C-alpha atoms as a PDB file:
ATOM      1  CA  MET A   1       3.291 231.583 -96.933  1.00  0.00           C
ATOM      2  CA  ARG A   2       1.127 230.119 -94.165  1.00  0.00           C
ATOM      3  CA  ARG A   3       4.248 229.077 -92.278  1.00  0.00           C
ATOM      4  CA  TYR A   4       5.756 232.561 -92.495  1.00  0.00           C
ATOM      5  CA  ARG A   5       2.423 234.092 -91.479  1.00  0.00           C
ATOM      6  CA  LEU A   6       2.308 231.810 -88.439  1.00  0.00           C
ATOM      7  CA  LEU A   7       5.873 232.812 -87.511  1.00  0.00           C
ATOM      8  CA  PHE A   8       4.994 236.497 -87.925  1.00  0.00           C
ATOM      9  CA  ASP A   9       1.893 236.125 -85.747  1.00  0.00           C
ATOM     10  CA  ARG A  10       3.883 234.389 -83.012  1.00  0.00           C
ATOM     11  CA  ILE A  11       6.515 237.133 -83.040  1.00  0.00           C
ATOM     12  CA  LEU A  12       3.774 239.750 -82.870  1.00  0.00           C
ATOM     13  CA  VAL A  13       2.144 238.055 -79.864  1.00  0.00           C
ATOM     14  CA  GLY A  14       5.553 237.826 -78.181  1.00  0.00           C
ATOM     15  CA  ILE A  15       6.153 241.553 -78.705  1.00  0.00           C
ATOM     16  CA  VAL A  16       2.735 242.373 -77.259  1.00  0.00           C
ATOM     17  CA  LEU A  17       3.421 240.224 -74.179  1.00  0.00           C
ATOM     18  CA  LEU A  18       6.812 241.858 -73.656  1.00  0.00           C
ATOM     19  CA  ALA A  19       5.195 245.296 -73.985  1.00  0.00           C
ATOM     20  CA  LEU A  20       2.592 244.395 -71.366  1.00  0.00           C
ATOM     21  CA  TRP A  21       5.335 243.053 -69.123  1.00  0.00           C
ATOM     22  CA  GLN A  22       7.297 246.307 -69.475  1.00  0.00           C
ATOM     23  CA  LEU A  23       4.170 248.348 -68.836  1.00  0.00           C
ATOM     24  CA  GLY A  24       3.453 246.366 -65.673  1.00  0.00           C
ATOM     25  CA  SER A  25       7.003 246.976 -64.490  1.00  0.00           C
ATOM     26  CA  TRP A  26       6.621 250.710 -65.037  1.00  0.00           C
ATOM     27  CA  LEU A  27       3.341 250.774 -63.116  1.00  0.00           C
ATOM     28  CA  LEU A  28       4.424 248.582 -60.189  1.00  0.00           C
ATOM     29  CA  GLY A  29       8.125 249.355 -60.129  1.00  0.00           C
ATOM     30  CA  SER A  30      11.034 247.071 -60.983  1.00  0.00           C
ATOM     31  CA  TYR A  31      11.373 246.079 -57.312  1.00  0.00           C
ATOM     32  CA  TRP A  32       8.045 244.230 -57.542  1.00  0.00           C
ATOM     33  CA  LEU A  33       8.041 243.296 -61.235  1.00  0.00           C
ATOM     34  CA  SER A  34      11.416 243.092 -62.933  1.00  0.00           C
ATOM     35  CA  THR A  35      11.688 244.494 -66.443  1.00  0.00           C
ATOM     36  CA  PRO A  36      12.197 242.226 -69.462  1.00  0.00           C
ATOM     37  CA  TRP A  37      15.634 243.755 -70.051  1.00  0.00           C
ATOM     38  CA  LEU A  38      16.847 243.066 -66.513  1.00  0.00           C
ATOM     39  CA  THR A  39      15.408 239.538 -66.580  1.00  0.00           C
ATOM     40  CA  PHE A  40      16.955 238.581 -69.905  1.00  0.00           C
ATOM     41  CA  SER A  41      20.269 240.178 -68.936  1.00  0.00           C
ATOM     42  CA  ARG A  42      20.422 238.164 -65.703  1.00  0.00           C
ATOM     43  CA  PHE A  43      19.323 235.035 -67.548  1.00  0.00           C
ATOM     44  CA  PHE A  44      22.077 235.255 -70.179  1.00  0.00           C
ATOM     45  CA  ASN A  45      24.687 236.266 -67.600  1.00  0.00           C
ATOM     46  CA  GLU A  46      23.907 233.155 -65.576  1.00  0.00           C
ATOM     47  CA  ILE A  47      24.047 231.033 -68.715  1.00  0.00           C
ATOM     48  CA  TRP A  48      27.445 232.539 -69.513  1.00  0.00           C
ATOM     49  CA  SER A  49      28.690 231.805 -65.983  1.00  0.00           C
ATOM     50  CA  GLY A  50      27.270 228.257 -66.189  1.00  0.00           C
ATOM     51  CA  GLU A  51      25.065 228.625 -63.109  1.00  0.00           C
ATOM     52  CA  MET A  52      21.765 228.503 -65.001  1.00  0.00           C
ATOM     53  CA  ILE A  53      22.881 225.489 -67.035  1.00  0.00           C
ATOM     54  CA  ARG A  54      23.963 223.577 -63.923  1.00  0.00           C
ATOM     55  CA  GLN A  55      20.733 224.245 -62.065  1.00  0.00           C
ATOM     56  CA  ALA A  56      18.563 223.593 -65.123  1.00  0.00           C
ATOM     57  CA  GLY A  57      20.426 220.331 -65.708  1.00  0.00           C
ATOM     58  CA  TYR A  58      19.535 219.178 -62.212  1.00  0.00           C
ATOM     59  CA  THR A  59      15.840 219.974 -62.785  1.00  0.00           C
ATOM     60  CA  VAL A  60      15.861 218.273 -66.188  1.00  0.00           C
ATOM     61  CA  GLU A  61      17.465 215.185 -64.645  1.00  0.00           C
ATOM     62  CA  GLU A  62      14.679 214.980 -62.070  1.00  0.00           C
ATOM     63  CA  ALA A  63      11.985 215.419 -64.697  1.00  0.00           C
ATOM     64  CA  PHE A  64      13.572 212.962 -67.149  1.00  0.00           C
ATOM     65  CA  LEU A  65      14.068 210.179 -64.622  1.00  0.00           C
ATOM     66  CA  GLY A  66      10.588 210.743 -63.222  1.00  0.00           C
ATOM     67  CA  ALA A  67       9.128 210.642 -66.732  1.00  0.00           C
ATOM     68  CA  VAL A  68      10.897 207.366 -67.504  1.00  0.00           C
ATOM     69  CA  ILE A  69       9.992 205.701 -64.206  1.00  0.00           C
ATOM     70  CA  GLY A  70       6.385 206.849 -64.395  1.00  0.00           C
ATOM     71  CA  GLY A  71       5.847 206.923 -68.144  1.00  0.00           C
ATOM     72  CA  VAL A  72       7.178 203.538 -69.282  1.00  0.00           C
ATOM     73  CA  PRO A  73       4.876 201.450 -67.027  1.00  0.00           C
ATOM     74  CA  ALA A  74       1.986 203.786 -67.893  1.00  0.00           C
ATOM     75  CA  ILE A  75       2.474 203.052 -71.609  1.00  0.00           C
ATOM     76  CA  ILE A  76       2.961 199.302 -71.180  1.00  0.00           C
ATOM     77  CA  LEU A  77       0.029 198.711 -68.806  1.00  0.00           C
ATOM     78  CA  PRO A  78      -2.838 199.573 -71.209  1.00  0.00           C
ATOM     79  CA  PHE A  79      -1.351 197.248 -73.834  1.00  0.00           C
ATOM     80  CA  ALA A  80      -0.960 194.481 -71.264  1.00  0.00           C
ATOM     81  CA  LEU A  81      -4.596 194.907 -70.189  1.00  0.00           C
ATOM     82  CA  ARG A  82      -6.000 195.314 -73.700  1.00  0.00           C
ATOM     83  CA  ARG A  83      -7.594 191.851 -73.697  1.00  0.00           C
ATOM     84  CA  LEU A  84      -8.602 192.031 -70.022  1.00  0.00           C
ATOM     85  CA  PRO A  85     -11.434 194.604 -69.916  1.00  0.00           C
ATOM     86  CA  ALA A  86     -12.731 193.176 -66.626  1.00  0.00           C
ATOM     87  CA  VAL A  87      -9.400 193.957 -64.948  1.00  0.00           C
ATOM     88  CA  VAL A  88      -9.428 197.480 -66.414  1.00  0.00           C
ATOM     89  CA  SER A  89     -12.923 198.014 -64.999  1.00  0.00           C
ATOM     90  CA  VAL A  90     -11.785 196.852 -61.564  1.00  0.00           C
ATOM     91  CA  LEU A  91      -8.730 199.137 -61.612  1.00  0.00           C
ATOM     92  CA  ASP A  92     -10.535 202.126 -63.088  1.00  0.00           C
ATOM     93  CA  PRO A  93     -11.852 203.757 -59.852  1.00  0.00           C
ATOM     94  CA  PHE A  94      -8.463 203.315 -58.198  1.00  0.00           C
ATOM     95  CA  MET A  95      -6.680 204.864 -61.177  1.00  0.00           C
ATOM     96  CA  VAL A  96      -9.121 207.775 -61.218  1.00  0.00           C
ATOM     97  CA  SER A  97      -8.588 208.303 -57.487  1.00  0.00           C
ATOM     98  CA  GLY A  98      -4.813 208.236 -57.964  1.00  0.00           C
ATOM     99  CA  TYR A  99      -5.080 210.687 -60.842  1.00  0.00           C
ATOM    100  CA  GLY A 100      -7.213 213.067 -58.796  1.00  0.00           C
ATOM    101  CA  THR A 101      -4.990 213.006 -55.717  1.00  0.00           C
ATOM    102  CA  PRO A 102      -3.056 216.315 -55.448  1.00  0.00           C
ATOM    103  CA  LYS A 103       0.504 215.110 -55.917  1.00  0.00           C
ATOM    104  CA  LEU A 104       2.116 218.195 -54.411  1.00  0.00           C
ATOM    105  CA  ALA A 105       0.283 217.384 -51.182  1.00  0.00           C
ATOM    106  CA  LEU A 106       2.210 214.103 -51.200  1.00  0.00           C
ATOM    107  CA  ALA A 107       5.561 215.866 -51.559  1.00  0.00           C
ATOM    108  CA  PRO A 108       6.210 215.964 -47.772  1.00  0.00           C
ATOM    109  CA  LEU A 109       5.555 212.209 -47.623  1.00  0.00           C
ATOM    110  CA  PHE A 110       7.963 211.549 -50.488  1.00  0.00           C
ATOM    111  CA  ILE A 111      10.573 213.691 -48.745  1.00  0.00           C
ATOM    112  CA  LEU A 112      10.015 211.671 -45.560  1.00  0.00           C
ATOM    113  CA  TRP A 113      10.318 208.364 -47.434  1.00  0.00           C
ATOM    114  CA  PHE A 114      13.091 209.194 -49.908  1.00  0.00           C
ATOM    115  CA  GLY A 115      14.923 212.073 -48.244  1.00  0.00           C
ATOM    116  CA  ILE A 116      15.562 215.627 -49.393  1.00  0.00           C
ATOM    117  CA  GLY A 117      17.718 214.575 -52.347  1.00  0.00           C
ATOM    118  CA  ILE A 118      16.800 213.978 -55.962  1.00  0.00           C
ATOM    119  CA  GLU A 119      14.893 210.762 -55.209  1.00  0.00           C
ATOM    120  CA  SER A 120      11.889 212.522 -53.652  1.00  0.00           C
ATOM    121  CA  LYS A 121      11.573 214.890 -56.628  1.00  0.00           C
ATOM    122  CA  ILE A 122      11.747 211.973 -59.063  1.00  0.00           C
ATOM    123  CA  ALA A 123       8.997 210.195 -57.115  1.00  0.00           C
ATOM    124  CA  VAL A 124       6.666 213.198 -57.307  1.00  0.00           C
ATOM    125  CA  VAL A 125       7.254 213.644 -61.046  1.00  0.00           C
ATOM    126  CA  ALA A 126       6.779 209.905 -61.685  1.00  0.00           C
ATOM    127  CA  SER A 127       3.471 209.891 -59.805  1.00  0.00           C
ATOM    128  CA  ILE A 128       2.148 212.684 -62.019  1.00  0.00           C
ATOM    129  CA  VAL A 129       3.453 211.384 -65.345  1.00  0.00           C
ATOM    130  CA  PHE A 130       2.172 207.859 -64.689  1.00  0.00           C
ATOM    131  CA  PHE A 131      -1.520 208.705 -64.394  1.00  0.00           C
ATOM    132  CA  ILE A 132      -1.606 211.238 -67.239  1.00  0.00           C
ATOM    133  CA  GLU A 133       0.229 208.880 -69.589  1.00  0.00           C
ATOM    134  CA  TYR A 134      -1.816 205.850 -68.501  1.00  0.00           C
ATOM    135  CA  PHE A 135      -5.187 207.434 -69.273  1.00  0.00           C
ATOM    136  CA  SER A 136      -3.946 208.945 -72.530  1.00  0.00           C
ATOM    137  CA  THR A 137      -2.524 205.624 -73.765  1.00  0.00           C
ATOM    138  CA  LEU A 138      -5.609 203.729 -72.580  1.00  0.00           C
ATOM    139  CA  ALA A 139      -7.814 206.088 -74.590  1.00  0.00           C
ATOM    140  CA  GLY A 140      -5.732 205.361 -77.699  1.00  0.00           C
ATOM    141  CA  VAL A 141      -5.951 201.602 -77.193  1.00  0.00           C
ATOM    142  CA  ARG A 142      -9.706 201.750 -76.614  1.00  0.00           C
ATOM    143  CA  ALA A 143     -10.301 203.953 -79.670  1.00  0.00           C
ATOM    144  CA  LEU A 144      -8.823 201.382 -82.057  1.00  0.00           C
ATOM    145  CA  ASP A 145     -11.158 200.484 -84.927  1.00  0.00           C
ATOM    146  CA  ALA A 146     -12.302 196.867 -84.427  1.00  0.00           C
ATOM    147  CA  LYS A 147     -12.317 196.357 -88.205  1.00  0.00           C
ATOM    148  CA  LEU A 148      -8.548 196.821 -88.322  1.00  0.00           C
ATOM    149  CA  LEU A 149      -8.115 194.037 -85.762  1.00  0.00           C
ATOM    150  CA  GLN A 150     -10.442 191.764 -87.679  1.00  0.00           C
ATOM    151  CA  MET A 151      -8.614 192.364 -90.957  1.00  0.00           C
ATOM    152  CA  ALA A 152      -5.240 191.641 -89.339  1.00  0.00           C
ATOM    153  CA  GLN A 153      -6.569 188.433 -87.791  1.00  0.00           C
ATOM    154  CA  LEU A 154      -8.114 187.353 -91.103  1.00  0.00           C
ATOM    155  CA  VAL A 155      -4.731 187.487 -92.837  1.00  0.00           C
ATOM    156  CA  GLY A 156      -3.201 185.358 -90.076  1.00  0.00           C
ATOM    157  CA  ALA A 157      -1.575 187.879 -87.739  1.00  0.00           C
ATOM    158  CA  ASN A 158      -0.885 186.548 -84.252  1.00  0.00           C
ATOM    159  CA  GLU A 159      -1.410 188.520 -81.049  1.00  0.00           C
ATOM    160  CA  ARG A 160       2.141 189.877 -80.967  1.00  0.00           C
ATOM    161  CA  GLN A 161       1.920 191.055 -84.574  1.00  0.00           C
ATOM    162  CA  VAL A 162      -1.485 192.655 -83.972  1.00  0.00           C
ATOM    163  CA  ALA A 163      -0.114 194.532 -80.959  1.00  0.00           C
ATOM    164  CA  ARG A 164       3.050 195.624 -82.813  1.00  0.00           C
ATOM    165  CA  HIS A 165       1.629 196.548 -86.221  1.00  0.00           C
ATOM    166  CA  VAL A 166      -1.968 197.572 -85.483  1.00  0.00           C
ATOM    167  CA  VAL A 167      -2.572 198.543 -81.856  1.00  0.00           C
ATOM    168  CA  PHE A 168       0.691 200.355 -81.140  1.00  0.00           C
ATOM    169  CA  PRO A 169       0.707 202.600 -84.278  1.00  0.00           C
ATOM    170  CA  ALA A 170      -2.927 203.519 -83.623  1.00  0.00           C
ATOM    171  CA  ALA A 171      -2.121 204.498 -80.028  1.00  0.00           C
ATOM    172  CA  VAL A 172       1.051 206.486 -80.830  1.00  0.00           C
ATOM    173  CA  PRO A 173      -0.760 209.863 -81.203  1.00  0.00           C
ATOM    174  CA  ASN A 174      -2.320 209.390 -77.777  1.00  0.00           C
ATOM    175  CA  ILE A 175       1.008 208.364 -76.259  1.00  0.00           C
ATOM    176  CA  PHE A 176       2.641 211.553 -77.493  1.00  0.00           C
ATOM    177  CA  ALA A 177      -0.392 213.631 -76.518  1.00  0.00           C
ATOM    178  CA  GLY A 178       0.086 212.343 -72.973  1.00  0.00           C
ATOM    179  CA  LEU A 179       3.788 213.154 -73.074  1.00  0.00           C
ATOM    180  CA  ARG A 180       3.068 216.621 -74.399  1.00  0.00           C
ATOM    181  CA  ILE A 181       0.890 217.252 -71.341  1.00  0.00           C
ATOM    182  CA  SER A 182       2.732 215.326 -68.636  1.00  0.00           C
ATOM    183  CA  LEU A 183       6.324 216.395 -69.321  1.00  0.00           C
ATOM    184  CA  PRO A 184       5.787 220.170 -68.923  1.00  0.00           C
ATOM    185  CA  ILE A 185       3.728 219.478 -65.793  1.00  0.00           C
ATOM    186  CA  GLY A 186       6.503 217.210 -64.541  1.00  0.00           C
ATOM    187  CA  ILE A 187       9.096 219.951 -65.009  1.00  0.00           C
ATOM    188  CA  ALA A 188       6.868 222.473 -63.229  1.00  0.00           C
ATOM    189  CA  VAL A 189       6.326 220.057 -60.341  1.00  0.00           C
ATOM    190  CA  ALA A 190      10.066 219.392 -60.125  1.00  0.00           C
ATOM    191  CA  VAL A 191      10.644 223.140 -59.767  1.00  0.00           C
ATOM    192  CA  VAL A 192       7.971 223.412 -57.063  1.00  0.00           C
ATOM    193  CA  THR A 193       9.369 220.471 -55.085  1.00  0.00           C
ATOM    194  CA  GLU A 194      12.787 222.120 -55.259  1.00  0.00           C
ATOM    195  CA  LEU A 195      11.182 225.148 -53.628  1.00  0.00           C
ATOM    196  CA  ILE A 196      10.009 222.918 -50.784  1.00  0.00           C
ATOM    197  CA  SER A 197      13.326 221.236 -50.101  1.00  0.00           C
ATOM    198  CA  SER A 198      16.448 221.424 -52.245  1.00  0.00           C
ATOM    199  CA  ASN A 199      19.823 223.061 -52.574  1.00  0.00           C
ATOM    200  CA  ARG A 200      19.975 222.687 -56.349  1.00  0.00           C
ATOM    201  CA  GLY A 201      17.759 223.235 -59.372  1.00  0.00           C
ATOM    202  CA  LEU A 202      15.733 226.057 -60.886  1.00  0.00           C
ATOM    203  CA  GLY A 203      13.361 225.992 -57.914  1.00  0.00           C
ATOM    204  CA  TYR A 204      16.358 226.574 -55.660  1.00  0.00           C
ATOM    205  CA  LEU A 205      17.282 229.646 -57.723  1.00  0.00           C
ATOM    206  CA  VAL A 206      13.728 230.939 -57.306  1.00  0.00           C
ATOM    207  CA  GLN A 207      13.944 230.341 -53.572  1.00  0.00           C
ATOM    208  CA  VAL A 208      17.309 232.110 -53.267  1.00  0.00           C
ATOM    209  CA  GLY A 209      16.003 235.085 -55.229  1.00  0.00           C
ATOM    210  CA  ALA A 210      12.890 235.329 -53.047  1.00  0.00           C
ATOM    211  CA  MET A 211      14.874 235.076 -49.808  1.00  0.00           C
ATOM    212  CA  ASN A 212      17.213 237.846 -50.987  1.00  0.00           C
ATOM    213  CA  PHE A 213      14.311 239.984 -52.285  1.00  0.00           C
ATOM    214  CA  ASP A 214      15.936 239.738 -55.717  1.00  0.00           C
ATOM    215  CA  ILE A 215      12.898 239.696 -58.017  1.00  0.00           C
ATOM    216  CA  THR A 216      15.114 239.687 -61.117  1.00  0.00           C
ATOM    217  CA  GLN A 217      16.672 236.394 -59.978  1.00  0.00           C
ATOM    218  CA  VAL A 218      13.203 234.926 -59.502  1.00  0.00           C
ATOM    219  CA  PHE A 219      12.120 235.970 -62.998  1.00  0.00           C
ATOM    220  CA  ALA A 220      15.371 234.713 -64.541  1.00  0.00           C
ATOM    221  CA  ALA A 221      14.878 231.285 -62.946  1.00  0.00           C
ATOM    222  CA  ILE A 222      11.252 231.176 -64.131  1.00  0.00           C
ATOM    223  CA  LEU A 223      12.462 232.112 -67.616  1.00  0.00           C
ATOM    224  CA  GLY A 224      14.936 229.226 -67.439  1.00  0.00           C
ATOM    225  CA  ALA A 225      12.125 226.816 -66.544  1.00  0.00           C
ATOM    226  CA  THR A 226      10.051 228.175 -69.431  1.00  0.00           C
ATOM    227  CA  VAL A 227      12.912 227.630 -71.886  1.00  0.00           C
ATOM    228  CA  VAL A 228      13.304 224.051 -70.653  1.00  0.00           C
ATOM    229  CA  VAL A 229       9.571 223.391 -71.120  1.00  0.00           C
ATOM    230  CA  LEU A 230       9.672 224.807 -74.653  1.00  0.00           C
ATOM    231  CA  ALA A 231      12.729 222.703 -75.516  1.00  0.00           C
ATOM    232  CA  VAL A 232      11.040 219.557 -74.206  1.00  0.00           C
ATOM    233  CA  GLY A 233       7.904 220.364 -76.217  1.00  0.00           C
ATOM    234  CA  TYR A 234       9.888 220.720 -79.445  1.00  0.00           C
ATOM    235  CA  ALA A 235      11.761 217.496 -78.663  1.00  0.00           C
ATOM    236  CA  VAL A 236       8.487 215.600 -78.187  1.00  0.00           C
ATOM    237  CA  ASP A 237       7.084 217.028 -81.444  1.00  0.00           C
ATOM    238  CA  GLY A 238      10.247 216.055 -83.341  1.00  0.00           C
ATOM    239  CA  THR A 239      10.238 212.551 -81.903  1.00  0.00           C
ATOM    240  CA  GLU A 240       6.570 212.100 -82.843  1.00  0.00           C
ATOM    241  CA  ARG A 241       7.264 213.130 -86.451  1.00  0.00           C
ATOM    242  CA  ILE A 242      10.104 210.578 -86.634  1.00  0.00           C
END
């Protein structure tokens, strides 16, 4: 019953949001704020034609490759430094500075270094995913109960076994918490970098719609990005349960 109640509440909130959206369109005019009906119609028409799927696939490719390039080292590094707290302390201010640096401000540099193709977008996404995932995984490694380590060592576990069977399972919730935060941000950043310089992707669709004063196209592309983010979120949740 709780599950059905949760589903009902979510549907109710969605209806309220759609009603507010429609009300805003009536007040401002569909030229400035497209209606839900026009947006969803354009969205499904572009899915049917394949255009939305092609452009979304390009954005997902950027985000996925950036997540792999940035996320894998970010997960491995805290485990590699687990027994080197002095090194972690030395790196900490540099990691914090890197985390706080506005990555979108670096987008022009990445475009200069890697060109206007997919490589520059991957670099921006990787730079964001790395720091979020690093600090999340590091928090999980640091939060490990020392008694669990002592018990494993008392029964004869070596360092590799401790890392595999004690440290890693304890850090898994933090790893997925980092992914749950960094992946949607990575997709959003990929869309924004496509707005800066690209001829493909959901950001490109937003740009085309804005240049043509086609607000419905802009909303349809934003809806496509939202669907991608939701799909990635459900994929991360499913993977964590497995």
